[in-house]
Amino acid sequence: MKTINKVIQILAIAMLLLLPIGFTGCSSDDDETINPGGETEVPAFILGQESIKVKIGVENKMSVDIKEGGGEYDAFILDTNIAKVEMVDGVVKVEGLANGQTSLIVSDKYSRYRKVPVSVYTTDKLQLSHETFDLITVLGNSKTLTADVVLGNGGYEATSNNPAVTASVNEEGVISMTAVSKKAEFTAIVTVTDCTGLSEDIAVTVKASMDPFTDAELEAIMLDNTRRYYYNGSKTDSSYYTYLNEVTSQGKQRYGWDYWSYYWYKLEFKGGKNVGVKEEAVFDYYYYSAGSINTPVTMEIIKNDGVNIWGIFSYVNDAQEKLYTGYFCSPI
């Protein structure tokens, strides 16, 4: 086999760029007028494949057959990071090295060239870390869970058959699934597809939790002994507010704050300051950005260390199908 020198390879690439239509695996050579050095007839130059797909790995080499040609064949790959080629007993063999697209160039002794598109891939089956997922979130609140592409060919896309669950996937194959829970659980099918068209599904079942806080969140709340009043995930108080710690005319304990009766946060309940669930608890809150809220709540004192108390509360807005939460820490 005659080795093509660098000049010939450069000329071949230039010819491919200028005349891409002329380099196909099974094209006719009727229009070629190359003088074969005195021979009266030039054989056609025909390859057995117009394009090939090669799986990465030495054990997955693909052959390109030379059906007819002038002999003294040589071959090279345009992008040697993606694939490599060797000639074995007149057969061209291509080995995939990395995902991507490149081209195989085959030539014969008459300096004729044929281009064969080469697609290199990793796997014949897309593998995901999960087939099913339970996405559990506090009622009416959003949560995102992630899964991973364990094995694939890159170029991933993710879709959901239910608009209540959004799905996306990044270049590294991390799949993100986000949903807002409702009172009734529901399921979405998230489909992940790679650049070769392989796809796999994840069945995502969205469920609502009526627990206002996780154990980890409760632990974090009780570790902080600063005075503070939270509602719906946001701190509401400021140092220039008047803090409330009093008994109402109805005999209820009241905690919260007031700002010149323009804005306020008042949590009233019966049952003392000891740890436990409280009776007849009511949350009364007014702030310009939140509007007015006055509603019965489920309330519990979760800690009393003799200096401070920590309390949590929650209620359901039925129209919104959402569980609202709050908590506070205050000197006893």
C-alpha atoms as a PDB file:
ATOM      1  CA  MET A   1       0.000   0.000   0.000  1.00  0.00           C
ATOM      2  CA  LYS A   2       1.404   3.346  -1.018  1.00  0.00           C
ATOM      3  CA  THR A   3       1.333   5.973   1.734  1.00  0.00           C
ATOM      4  CA  ILE A   4      -0.092   9.355   0.748  1.00  0.00           C
ATOM      5  CA  ASN A   5       2.300  12.104   1.634  1.00  0.00           C
ATOM      6  CA  LYS A   6       1.281  15.291   3.404  1.00  0.00           C
ATOM      7  CA  VAL A   7       1.021  17.296   0.207  1.00  0.00           C
ATOM      8  CA  ILE A   8      -1.448  14.839  -1.288  1.00  0.00           C
ATOM      9  CA  GLN A   9      -3.558  14.901   1.901  1.00  0.00           C
ATOM     10  CA  ILE A  10      -3.675  18.698   1.901  1.00  0.00           C
ATOM     11  CA  LEU A  11      -4.687  18.704  -1.756  1.00  0.00           C
ATOM     12  CA  ALA A  12      -7.342  16.084  -1.014  1.00  0.00           C
ATOM     13  CA  ILE A  13      -8.878  18.173   1.724  1.00  0.00           C
ATOM     14  CA  ALA A  14      -8.843  21.244  -0.503  1.00  0.00           C
ATOM     15  CA  MET A  15     -10.547  19.301  -3.282  1.00  0.00           C
ATOM     16  CA  LEU A  16     -13.183  18.072  -0.825  1.00  0.00           C
ATOM     17  CA  LEU A  17     -13.943  21.609   0.254  1.00  0.00           C
ATOM     18  CA  LEU A  18     -14.174  22.870  -3.306  1.00  0.00           C
ATOM     19  CA  LEU A  19     -15.959  19.895  -4.841  1.00  0.00           C
ATOM     20  CA  PRO A  20     -18.045  18.234  -2.116  1.00  0.00           C
ATOM     21  CA  ILE A  21     -20.560  16.738  -4.548  1.00  0.00           C
ATOM     22  CA  GLY A  22     -17.929  14.721  -6.359  1.00  0.00           C
ATOM     23  CA  PHE A  23     -16.892  12.701  -3.299  1.00  0.00           C
ATOM     24  CA  THR A  24     -19.571  10.171  -2.550  1.00  0.00           C
ATOM     25  CA  GLY A  25     -19.257   6.519  -1.642  1.00  0.00           C
ATOM     26  CA  CYS A  26     -21.035   5.133  -4.707  1.00  0.00           C
ATOM     27  CA  SER A  27     -20.649   7.869  -7.305  1.00  0.00           C
ATOM     28  CA  SER A  28     -20.106   7.145 -10.991  1.00  0.00           C
ATOM     29  CA  ASP A  29     -16.727   7.723 -12.585  1.00  0.00           C
ATOM     30  CA  ASP A  30     -18.035   8.066 -16.125  1.00  0.00           C
ATOM     31  CA  ASP A  31     -16.965  11.702 -16.227  1.00  0.00           C
ATOM     32  CA  GLU A  32     -13.383  11.062 -15.096  1.00  0.00           C
ATOM     33  CA  THR A  33     -10.673  11.479 -17.774  1.00  0.00           C
ATOM     34  CA  ILE A  34      -7.601  10.441 -15.828  1.00  0.00           C
ATOM     35  CA  ASN A  35      -4.842   8.934 -17.999  1.00  0.00           C
ATOM     36  CA  PRO A  36      -3.807   5.686 -16.337  1.00  0.00           C
ATOM     37  CA  GLY A  37      -0.309   5.808 -17.772  1.00  0.00           C
ATOM     38  CA  GLY A  38      -0.957   4.175 -21.101  1.00  0.00           C
ATOM     39  CA  GLU A  39      -3.862   1.988 -20.057  1.00  0.00           C
ATOM     40  CA  THR A  40      -6.832   2.199 -22.370  1.00  0.00           C
ATOM     41  CA  GLU A  41      -9.461   1.880 -19.649  1.00  0.00           C
ATOM     42  CA  VAL A  42      -9.607   3.217 -16.112  1.00  0.00           C
ATOM     43  CA  PRO A  43     -11.611   1.110 -13.644  1.00  0.00           C
ATOM     44  CA  ALA A  44     -14.370   2.795 -11.712  1.00  0.00           C
ATOM     45  CA  PHE A  45     -13.689   3.751  -8.092  1.00  0.00           C
ATOM     46  CA  ILE A  46     -16.603   2.540  -5.968  1.00  0.00           C
ATOM     47  CA  LEU A  47     -16.886   2.023  -2.203  1.00  0.00           C
ATOM     48  CA  GLY A  48     -19.372  -0.301  -0.568  1.00  0.00           C
ATOM     49  CA  GLN A  49     -20.735   2.229   1.939  1.00  0.00           C
ATOM     50  CA  GLU A  50     -21.928   5.800   1.510  1.00  0.00           C
ATOM     51  CA  SER A  51     -21.713   6.499   5.273  1.00  0.00           C
ATOM     52  CA  ILE A  52     -20.959   4.545   8.442  1.00  0.00           C
ATOM     53  CA  LYS A  53     -21.818   4.635  12.138  1.00  0.00           C
ATOM     54  CA  VAL A  54     -19.072   3.406  14.444  1.00  0.00           C
ATOM     55  CA  LYS A  55     -19.406   2.552  18.118  1.00  0.00           C
ATOM     56  CA  ILE A  56     -16.454   3.586  20.271  1.00  0.00           C
ATOM     57  CA  GLY A  57     -14.005   0.774  21.032  1.00  0.00           C
ATOM     58  CA  VAL A  58     -11.422  -1.364  19.265  1.00  0.00           C
ATOM     59  CA  GLU A  59     -13.842  -4.300  19.317  1.00  0.00           C
ATOM     60  CA  ASN A  60     -16.399  -2.289  17.314  1.00  0.00           C
ATOM     61  CA  LYS A  61     -14.372  -1.461  14.202  1.00  0.00           C
ATOM     62  CA  MET A  62     -16.402  -0.953  11.024  1.00  0.00           C
ATOM     63  CA  SER A  63     -15.231  -1.980   7.563  1.00  0.00           C
ATOM     64  CA  VAL A  64     -15.586   0.008   4.357  1.00  0.00           C
ATOM     65  CA  ASP A  65     -15.400  -2.221   1.300  1.00  0.00           C
ATOM     66  CA  ILE A  66     -13.646  -1.141  -1.876  1.00  0.00           C
ATOM     67  CA  LYS A  67     -15.868  -2.634  -4.564  1.00  0.00           C
ATOM     68  CA  GLU A  68     -13.798  -1.425  -7.475  1.00  0.00           C
ATOM     69  CA  GLY A  69     -10.835   0.861  -7.980  1.00  0.00           C
ATOM     70  CA  GLY A  70      -7.371   1.397  -9.331  1.00  0.00           C
ATOM     71  CA  GLY A  71      -5.376  -0.253  -6.536  1.00  0.00           C
ATOM     72  CA  GLU A  72      -2.662   1.129  -4.260  1.00  0.00           C
ATOM     73  CA  TYR A  73      -5.311   2.393  -1.874  1.00  0.00           C
ATOM     74  CA  ASP A  74      -4.747   4.726   1.014  1.00  0.00           C
ATOM     75  CA  ALA A  75      -7.091   6.191   3.621  1.00  0.00           C
ATOM     76  CA  PHE A  76      -7.122   8.812   6.331  1.00  0.00           C
ATOM     77  CA  ILE A  77      -9.579  10.447   8.757  1.00  0.00           C
ATOM     78  CA  LEU A  78     -10.142  14.200   8.699  1.00  0.00           C
ATOM     79  CA  ASP A  79     -10.470  14.439  12.509  1.00  0.00           C
ATOM     80  CA  THR A  80      -8.186  11.930  14.203  1.00  0.00           C
ATOM     81  CA  ASN A  81      -9.577  12.841  17.625  1.00  0.00           C
ATOM     82  CA  ILE A  82     -12.898  11.241  16.649  1.00  0.00           C
ATOM     83  CA  ALA A  83     -11.748   8.156  14.720  1.00  0.00           C
ATOM     84  CA  LYS A  84      -8.762   6.393  13.239  1.00  0.00           C
ATOM     85  CA  VAL A  85      -8.368   4.182  10.168  1.00  0.00           C
ATOM     86  CA  GLU A  86      -6.204   1.272   9.074  1.00  0.00           C
ATOM     87  CA  MET A  87      -5.920  -0.847   5.929  1.00  0.00           C
ATOM     88  CA  VAL A  88      -6.039  -4.618   6.503  1.00  0.00           C
ATOM     89  CA  ASP A  89      -5.674  -6.841   3.417  1.00  0.00           C
ATOM     90  CA  GLY A  90      -7.182  -4.185   1.215  1.00  0.00           C
ATOM     91  CA  VAL A  91     -10.086  -3.565   3.590  1.00  0.00           C
ATOM     92  CA  VAL A  92     -10.537  -0.149   5.214  1.00  0.00           C
ATOM     93  CA  LYS A  93     -11.302  -0.431   8.946  1.00  0.00           C
ATOM     94  CA  VAL A  94     -12.447   2.515  11.060  1.00  0.00           C
ATOM     95  CA  GLU A  95     -12.261   2.636  14.862  1.00  0.00           C
ATOM     96  CA  GLY A  96     -14.294   5.151  16.870  1.00  0.00           C
ATOM     97  CA  LEU A  97     -12.450   7.160  19.517  1.00  0.00           C
ATOM     98  CA  ALA A  98     -14.880   9.878  20.659  1.00  0.00           C
ATOM     99  CA  ASN A  99     -18.452  10.980  19.992  1.00  0.00           C
ATOM    100  CA  GLY A 100     -18.781  13.195  16.948  1.00  0.00           C
ATOM    101  CA  GLN A 101     -18.880  13.515  13.166  1.00  0.00           C
ATOM    102  CA  THR A 102     -15.958  13.334  10.770  1.00  0.00           C
ATOM    103  CA  SER A 103     -15.132  11.908   7.324  1.00  0.00           C
ATOM    104  CA  LEU A 104     -13.085   9.035   5.964  1.00  0.00           C
ATOM    105  CA  ILE A 105     -11.074   9.775   2.799  1.00  0.00           C
ATOM    106  CA  VAL A 106     -10.058   6.869   0.565  1.00  0.00           C
ATOM    107  CA  SER A 107      -7.817   7.245  -2.500  1.00  0.00           C
ATOM    108  CA  ASP A 108      -6.452   4.994  -5.237  1.00  0.00           C
ATOM    109  CA  LYS A 109      -3.326   5.141  -7.385  1.00  0.00           C
ATOM    110  CA  TYR A 110      -5.010   7.518  -9.839  1.00  0.00           C
ATOM    111  CA  SER A 111      -5.301  10.142  -7.070  1.00  0.00           C
ATOM    112  CA  ARG A 112      -9.058   9.744  -6.975  1.00  0.00           C
ATOM    113  CA  TYR A 113     -10.706  10.382  -3.635  1.00  0.00           C
ATOM    114  CA  ARG A 114     -13.903   9.218  -2.023  1.00  0.00           C
ATOM    115  CA  LYS A 115     -15.397  10.755   1.121  1.00  0.00           C
ATOM    116  CA  VAL A 116     -17.445   8.649   3.568  1.00  0.00           C
ATOM    117  CA  PRO A 117     -19.203  10.487   6.439  1.00  0.00           C
ATOM    118  CA  VAL A 118     -18.397   8.833   9.789  1.00  0.00           C
ATOM    119  CA  SER A 119     -20.606   9.128  12.876  1.00  0.00           C
ATOM    120  CA  VAL A 120     -19.044   7.900  16.121  1.00  0.00           C
ATOM    121  CA  TYR A 121     -21.187   7.076  19.149  1.00  0.00           C
ATOM    122  CA  THR A 122     -20.831   5.511  22.610  1.00  0.00           C
ATOM    123  CA  THR A 123     -23.771   3.220  23.211  1.00  0.00           C
ATOM    124  CA  ASP A 124     -26.734   1.513  21.578  1.00  0.00           C
ATOM    125  CA  LYS A 125     -28.911   1.963  24.668  1.00  0.00           C
ATOM    126  CA  LEU A 126     -29.483   5.125  26.674  1.00  0.00           C
ATOM    127  CA  GLN A 127     -29.186   4.481  30.416  1.00  0.00           C
ATOM    128  CA  LEU A 128     -30.645   6.769  33.100  1.00  0.00           C
ATOM    129  CA  SER A 129     -30.136   6.695  36.864  1.00  0.00           C
ATOM    130  CA  HIS A 130     -33.883   6.418  37.522  1.00  0.00           C
ATOM    131  CA  GLU A 131     -36.915   4.903  35.841  1.00  0.00           C
ATOM    132  CA  THR A 132     -39.396   6.336  38.374  1.00  0.00           C
ATOM    133  CA  PHE A 133     -39.351   9.301  40.730  1.00  0.00           C
ATOM    134  CA  ASP A 134     -41.602  10.487  43.552  1.00  0.00           C
ATOM    135  CA  LEU A 135     -41.389  14.272  43.667  1.00  0.00           C
ATOM    136  CA  ILE A 136     -42.830  15.255  47.060  1.00  0.00           C
ATOM    137  CA  THR A 137     -43.255  18.900  47.914  1.00  0.00           C
ATOM    138  CA  VAL A 138     -45.160  20.944  50.470  1.00  0.00           C
ATOM    139  CA  LEU A 139     -48.647  21.423  49.014  1.00  0.00           C
ATOM    140  CA  GLY A 140     -48.645  24.116  46.340  1.00  0.00           C
ATOM    141  CA  ASN A 141     -44.905  24.672  46.516  1.00  0.00           C
ATOM    142  CA  SER A 142     -42.280  24.065  43.860  1.00  0.00           C
ATOM    143  CA  LYS A 143     -39.460  21.558  44.099  1.00  0.00           C
ATOM    144  CA  THR A 144     -36.767  20.322  41.743  1.00  0.00           C
ATOM    145  CA  LEU A 145     -35.256  16.844  41.653  1.00  0.00           C
ATOM    146  CA  THR A 146     -32.397  15.642  39.468  1.00  0.00           C
ATOM    147  CA  ALA A 147     -31.480  12.396  37.747  1.00  0.00           C
ATOM    148  CA  ASP A 148     -28.487  11.541  35.572  1.00  0.00           C
ATOM    149  CA  VAL A 149     -27.698  10.081  32.187  1.00  0.00           C
ATOM    150  CA  VAL A 150     -25.511   7.121  33.150  1.00  0.00           C
ATOM    151  CA  LEU A 151     -24.567   6.228  29.571  1.00  0.00           C
ATOM    152  CA  GLY A 152     -25.432   8.049  26.377  1.00  0.00           C
ATOM    153  CA  ASN A 153     -24.112   9.681  23.243  1.00  0.00           C
ATOM    154  CA  GLY A 154     -24.383  13.360  24.192  1.00  0.00           C
ATOM    155  CA  GLY A 155     -26.539  16.071  22.680  1.00  0.00           C
ATOM    156  CA  TYR A 156     -29.346  15.433  25.154  1.00  0.00           C
ATOM    157  CA  GLU A 157     -32.868  16.833  25.146  1.00  0.00           C
ATOM    158  CA  ALA A 158     -35.615  16.387  27.750  1.00  0.00           C
ATOM    159  CA  THR A 159     -39.375  16.766  27.317  1.00  0.00           C
ATOM    160  CA  SER A 160     -42.399  16.246  29.557  1.00  0.00           C
ATOM    161  CA  ASN A 161     -45.837  15.068  28.477  1.00  0.00           C
ATOM    162  CA  ASN A 162     -47.450  17.071  31.298  1.00  0.00           C
ATOM    163  CA  PRO A 163     -47.032  20.870  31.446  1.00  0.00           C
ATOM    164  CA  ALA A 164     -47.267  20.669  35.248  1.00  0.00           C
ATOM    165  CA  VAL A 165     -43.786  19.122  35.246  1.00  0.00           C
ATOM    166  CA  THR A 166     -40.976  20.971  33.491  1.00  0.00           C
ATOM    167  CA  ALA A 167     -37.855  19.093  32.443  1.00  0.00           C
ATOM    168  CA  SER A 168     -34.414  20.070  31.192  1.00  0.00           C
ATOM    169  CA  VAL A 169     -31.025  18.411  30.772  1.00  0.00           C
ATOM    170  CA  ASN A 170     -27.558  19.939  30.513  1.00  0.00           C
ATOM    171  CA  GLU A 171     -24.536  18.903  28.445  1.00  0.00           C
ATOM    172  CA  GLU A 172     -23.245  16.736  31.297  1.00  0.00           C
ATOM    173  CA  GLY A 173     -26.479  14.735  31.326  1.00  0.00           C
ATOM    174  CA  VAL A 174     -27.950  16.096  34.566  1.00  0.00           C
ATOM    175  CA  ILE A 175     -31.748  15.968  34.225  1.00  0.00           C
ATOM    176  CA  SER A 176     -33.763  18.529  36.228  1.00  0.00           C
ATOM    177  CA  MET A 177     -37.476  18.008  36.884  1.00  0.00           C
ATOM    178  CA  THR A 178     -39.570  20.719  38.565  1.00  0.00           C
ATOM    179  CA  ALA A 179     -43.195  20.634  39.668  1.00  0.00           C
ATOM    180  CA  VAL A 180     -45.729  22.290  41.973  1.00  0.00           C
ATOM    181  CA  SER A 181     -47.798  19.794  43.946  1.00  0.00           C
ATOM    182  CA  LYS A 182     -51.597  19.736  44.055  1.00  0.00           C
ATOM    183  CA  LYS A 183     -53.998  18.067  46.477  1.00  0.00           C
ATOM    184  CA  ALA A 184     -54.398  15.170  44.042  1.00  0.00           C
ATOM    185  CA  GLU A 185     -51.187  13.463  42.986  1.00  0.00           C
ATOM    186  CA  PHE A 186     -50.363  13.304  39.280  1.00  0.00           C
ATOM    187  CA  THR A 187     -47.780  11.724  37.003  1.00  0.00           C
ATOM    188  CA  ALA A 188     -45.716  12.973  34.079  1.00  0.00           C
ATOM    189  CA  ILE A 189     -43.491  11.055  31.683  1.00  0.00           C
ATOM    190  CA  VAL A 190     -40.145  12.776  31.145  1.00  0.00           C
ATOM    191  CA  THR A 191     -38.415  11.572  27.974  1.00  0.00           C
ATOM    192  CA  VAL A 192     -34.672  12.026  27.505  1.00  0.00           C
ATOM    193  CA  THR A 193     -33.258  11.722  23.968  1.00  0.00           C
ATOM    194  CA  ASP A 194     -29.643  11.802  22.797  1.00  0.00           C
ATOM    195  CA  CYS A 195     -28.119  12.984  19.518  1.00  0.00           C
ATOM    196  CA  THR A 196     -28.475   9.557  17.911  1.00  0.00           C
ATOM    197  CA  GLY A 197     -32.205   9.350  18.623  1.00  0.00           C
ATOM    198  CA  LEU A 198     -31.985   6.933  21.556  1.00  0.00           C
ATOM    199  CA  SER A 199     -34.521   7.723  24.275  1.00  0.00           C
ATOM    200  CA  GLU A 200     -35.589   6.583  27.742  1.00  0.00           C
ATOM    201  CA  ASP A 201     -38.420   7.643  30.062  1.00  0.00           C
ATOM    202  CA  ILE A 202     -38.704   8.599  33.717  1.00  0.00           C
ATOM    203  CA  ALA A 203     -42.150   8.395  35.313  1.00  0.00           C
ATOM    204  CA  VAL A 204     -42.407  11.323  37.749  1.00  0.00           C
ATOM    205  CA  THR A 205     -45.214  11.150  40.310  1.00  0.00           C
ATOM    206  CA  VAL A 206     -45.862  14.461  42.070  1.00  0.00           C
ATOM    207  CA  LYS A 207     -47.264  14.228  45.595  1.00  0.00           C
ATOM    208  CA  ALA A 208     -48.201  16.841  48.195  1.00  0.00           C
ATOM    209  CA  SER A 209     -46.919  16.882  51.761  1.00  0.00           C
ATOM    210  CA  MET A 210     -48.910  18.527  54.541  1.00  0.00           C
ATOM    211  CA  ASP A 211     -45.866  18.719  56.824  1.00  0.00           C
ATOM    212  CA  PRO A 212     -44.883  22.401  56.909  1.00  0.00           C
ATOM    213  CA  PHE A 213     -41.225  21.696  57.674  1.00  0.00           C
ATOM    214  CA  THR A 214     -38.818  18.791  57.321  1.00  0.00           C
ATOM    215  CA  ASP A 215     -36.923  17.450  60.330  1.00  0.00           C
ATOM    216  CA  ALA A 216     -33.772  19.158  59.061  1.00  0.00           C
ATOM    217  CA  GLU A 217     -35.590  22.488  58.731  1.00  0.00           C
ATOM    218  CA  LEU A 218     -37.035  22.190  62.252  1.00  0.00           C
ATOM    219  CA  GLU A 219     -33.575  21.452  63.613  1.00  0.00           C
ATOM    220  CA  ALA A 220     -32.164  24.541  61.888  1.00  0.00           C
ATOM    221  CA  ILE A 221     -34.996  26.714  63.249  1.00  0.00           C
ATOM    222  CA  MET A 222     -34.384  25.554  66.824  1.00  0.00           C
ATOM    223  CA  LEU A 223     -30.605  26.065  66.614  1.00  0.00           C
ATOM    224  CA  ASP A 224     -31.034  29.813  66.046  1.00  0.00           C
ATOM    225  CA  ASN A 225     -32.107  31.740  69.167  1.00  0.00           C
ATOM    226  CA  THR A 226     -32.338  35.200  67.601  1.00  0.00           C
ATOM    227  CA  ARG A 227     -35.724  36.906  67.764  1.00  0.00           C
ATOM    228  CA  ARG A 228     -37.360  36.689  64.339  1.00  0.00           C
ATOM    229  CA  TYR A 229     -40.732  36.239  62.639  1.00  0.00           C
ATOM    230  CA  TYR A 230     -40.995  34.405  59.316  1.00  0.00           C
ATOM    231  CA  TYR A 231     -43.898  33.938  56.929  1.00  0.00           C
ATOM    232  CA  ASN A 232     -43.931  32.038  53.637  1.00  0.00           C
ATOM    233  CA  GLY A 233     -40.153  31.693  53.696  1.00  0.00           C
ATOM    234  CA  SER A 234     -39.364  35.382  54.315  1.00  0.00           C
ATOM    235  CA  LYS A 235     -38.303  37.325  57.398  1.00  0.00           C
ATOM    236  CA  THR A 236     -40.947  39.941  58.203  1.00  0.00           C
ATOM    237  CA  ASP A 237     -39.663  41.868  61.220  1.00  0.00           C
ATOM    238  CA  SER A 238     -37.187  44.692  61.695  1.00  0.00           C
ATOM    239  CA  SER A 239     -35.450  46.221  64.695  1.00  0.00           C
ATOM    240  CA  TYR A 240     -37.583  49.385  64.539  1.00  0.00           C
ATOM    241  CA  TYR A 241     -40.858  47.447  64.917  1.00  0.00           C
ATOM    242  CA  THR A 242     -42.553  47.066  68.295  1.00  0.00           C
ATOM    243  CA  TYR A 243     -42.383  43.437  69.374  1.00  0.00           C
ATOM    244  CA  LEU A 244     -45.472  41.916  70.982  1.00  0.00           C
ATOM    245  CA  ASN A 245     -45.535  39.515  73.920  1.00  0.00           C
ATOM    246  CA  GLU A 246     -48.851  39.919  75.703  1.00  0.00           C
ATOM    247  CA  VAL A 247     -52.145  38.353  76.717  1.00  0.00           C
ATOM    248  CA  THR A 248     -55.257  39.520  74.866  1.00  0.00           C
ATOM    249  CA  SER A 249     -58.596  40.399  76.444  1.00  0.00           C
ATOM    250  CA  GLN A 250     -59.802  36.942  75.357  1.00  0.00           C
ATOM    251  CA  GLY A 251     -57.048  35.301  77.373  1.00  0.00           C
ATOM    252  CA  LYS A 252     -54.938  34.323  74.383  1.00  0.00           C
ATOM    253  CA  GLN A 253     -51.178  34.588  74.245  1.00  0.00           C
ATOM    254  CA  ARG A 254     -50.069  36.985  71.505  1.00  0.00           C
ATOM    255  CA  TYR A 255     -46.634  37.111  69.855  1.00  0.00           C
ATOM    256  CA  GLY A 256     -45.543  39.173  66.867  1.00  0.00           C
ATOM    257  CA  TRP A 257     -44.786  42.780  66.005  1.00  0.00           C
ATOM    258  CA  ASP A 258     -46.544  46.034  65.152  1.00  0.00           C
ATOM    259  CA  TYR A 259     -45.469  49.090  63.207  1.00  0.00           C
ATOM    260  CA  TRP A 260     -47.622  52.059  64.260  1.00  0.00           C
ATOM    261  CA  SER A 261     -50.729  50.036  63.378  1.00  0.00           C
ATOM    262  CA  TYR A 262     -49.804  50.399  59.702  1.00  0.00           C
ATOM    263  CA  TYR A 263     -48.358  46.910  59.430  1.00  0.00           C
ATOM    264  CA  TRP A 264     -48.458  44.003  61.844  1.00  0.00           C
ATOM    265  CA  TYR A 265     -47.812  40.320  62.449  1.00  0.00           C
ATOM    266  CA  LYS A 266     -49.866  38.823  65.255  1.00  0.00           C
ATOM    267  CA  LEU A 267     -50.039  35.185  66.259  1.00  0.00           C
ATOM    268  CA  GLU A 268     -52.572  34.399  68.975  1.00  0.00           C
ATOM    269  CA  PHE A 269     -53.239  31.055  70.649  1.00  0.00           C
ATOM    270  CA  LYS A 270     -54.454  29.286  73.765  1.00  0.00           C
ATOM    271  CA  GLY A 271     -52.689  26.564  75.701  1.00  0.00           C
ATOM    272  CA  GLY A 272     -49.714  28.266  77.305  1.00  0.00           C
ATOM    273  CA  LYS A 273     -46.077  28.425  76.268  1.00  0.00           C
ATOM    274  CA  ASN A 274     -45.145  24.814  76.869  1.00  0.00           C
ATOM    275  CA  VAL A 275     -44.157  22.546  73.981  1.00  0.00           C
ATOM    276  CA  GLY A 276     -47.095  21.141  72.053  1.00  0.00           C
ATOM    277  CA  VAL A 277     -49.958  21.891  69.668  1.00  0.00           C
ATOM    278  CA  LYS A 278     -51.971  24.990  70.596  1.00  0.00           C
ATOM    279  CA  GLU A 279     -55.699  25.657  70.458  1.00  0.00           C
ATOM    280  CA  GLU A 280     -57.673  28.387  68.695  1.00  0.00           C
ATOM    281  CA  ALA A 281     -54.563  29.721  66.979  1.00  0.00           C
ATOM    282  CA  VAL A 282     -55.094  32.654  64.610  1.00  0.00           C
ATOM    283  CA  PHE A 283     -52.616  34.395  62.328  1.00  0.00           C
ATOM    284  CA  ASP A 284     -53.306  38.093  61.650  1.00  0.00           C
ATOM    285  CA  TYR A 285     -50.889  39.709  59.209  1.00  0.00           C
ATOM    286  CA  TYR A 286     -50.955  42.892  57.198  1.00  0.00           C
ATOM    287  CA  TYR A 287     -48.202  44.230  54.971  1.00  0.00           C
ATOM    288  CA  TYR A 288     -48.461  46.237  51.765  1.00  0.00           C
ATOM    289  CA  SER A 289     -46.803  43.601  49.588  1.00  0.00           C
ATOM    290  CA  ALA A 290     -48.788  40.681  51.011  1.00  0.00           C
ATOM    291  CA  GLY A 291     -52.165  42.266  51.670  1.00  0.00           C
ATOM    292  CA  SER A 292     -54.314  41.299  54.633  1.00  0.00           C
ATOM    293  CA  ILE A 293     -54.402  37.794  56.102  1.00  0.00           C
ATOM    294  CA  ASN A 294     -56.541  36.739  59.050  1.00  0.00           C
ATOM    295  CA  THR A 295     -56.994  32.996  59.291  1.00  0.00           C
ATOM    296  CA  PRO A 296     -57.085  30.078  61.722  1.00  0.00           C
ATOM    297  CA  VAL A 297     -53.814  28.149  61.709  1.00  0.00           C
ATOM    298  CA  THR A 298     -52.370  24.923  63.010  1.00  0.00           C
ATOM    299  CA  MET A 299     -49.761  25.999  65.533  1.00  0.00           C
ATOM    300  CA  GLU A 300     -47.192  24.236  67.676  1.00  0.00           C
ATOM    301  CA  ILE A 301     -44.544  25.319  70.161  1.00  0.00           C
ATOM    302  CA  ILE A 302     -41.579  23.140  69.197  1.00  0.00           C
ATOM    303  CA  LYS A 303     -39.071  24.289  71.823  1.00  0.00           C
ATOM    304  CA  ASN A 304     -39.012  26.135  75.158  1.00  0.00           C
ATOM    305  CA  ASP A 305     -35.607  26.395  76.813  1.00  0.00           C
ATOM    306  CA  GLY A 306     -36.751  28.661  79.639  1.00  0.00           C
ATOM    307  CA  VAL A 307     -35.412  31.764  77.901  1.00  0.00           C
ATOM    308  CA  ASN A 308     -36.927  31.622  74.411  1.00  0.00           C
ATOM    309  CA  ILE A 309     -39.733  29.784  72.687  1.00  0.00           C
ATOM    310  CA  TRP A 310     -39.871  28.583  69.107  1.00  0.00           C
ATOM    311  CA  GLY A 311     -43.179  28.153  67.307  1.00  0.00           C
ATOM    312  CA  ILE A 312     -44.362  27.026  63.870  1.00  0.00           C
ATOM    313  CA  PHE A 313     -47.716  27.406  62.126  1.00  0.00           C
ATOM    314  CA  SER A 314     -49.415  26.594  58.831  1.00  0.00           C
ATOM    315  CA  TYR A 315     -52.715  26.828  56.984  1.00  0.00           C
ATOM    316  CA  VAL A 316     -54.132  25.760  53.622  1.00  0.00           C
ATOM    317  CA  ASN A 317     -55.484  28.189  51.052  1.00  0.00           C
ATOM    318  CA  ASP A 318     -58.042  25.921  49.375  1.00  0.00           C
ATOM    319  CA  ALA A 319     -58.532  28.127  46.325  1.00  0.00           C
ATOM    320  CA  GLN A 320     -54.801  28.131  45.616  1.00  0.00           C
ATOM    321  CA  GLU A 321     -54.240  24.545  46.783  1.00  0.00           C
ATOM    322  CA  LYS A 322     -51.266  25.791  48.755  1.00  0.00           C
ATOM    323  CA  LEU A 323     -49.954  25.263  52.275  1.00  0.00           C
ATOM    324  CA  TYR A 324     -48.601  28.490  53.775  1.00  0.00           C
ATOM    325  CA  THR A 325     -46.113  28.282  56.629  1.00  0.00           C
ATOM    326  CA  GLY A 326     -44.456  30.463  59.225  1.00  0.00           C
ATOM    327  CA  TYR A 327     -42.345  30.304  62.357  1.00  0.00           C
ATOM    328  CA  PHE A 328     -40.948  32.523  65.076  1.00  0.00           C
ATOM    329  CA  CYS A 329     -38.497  32.687  67.945  1.00  0.00           C
ATOM    330  CA  SER A 330     -39.105  35.092  70.811  1.00  0.00           C
ATOM    331  CA  PRO A 331     -38.084  35.636  74.412  1.00  0.00           C
ATOM    332  CA  ILE A 332     -40.627  33.989  76.687  1.00  0.00           C
END
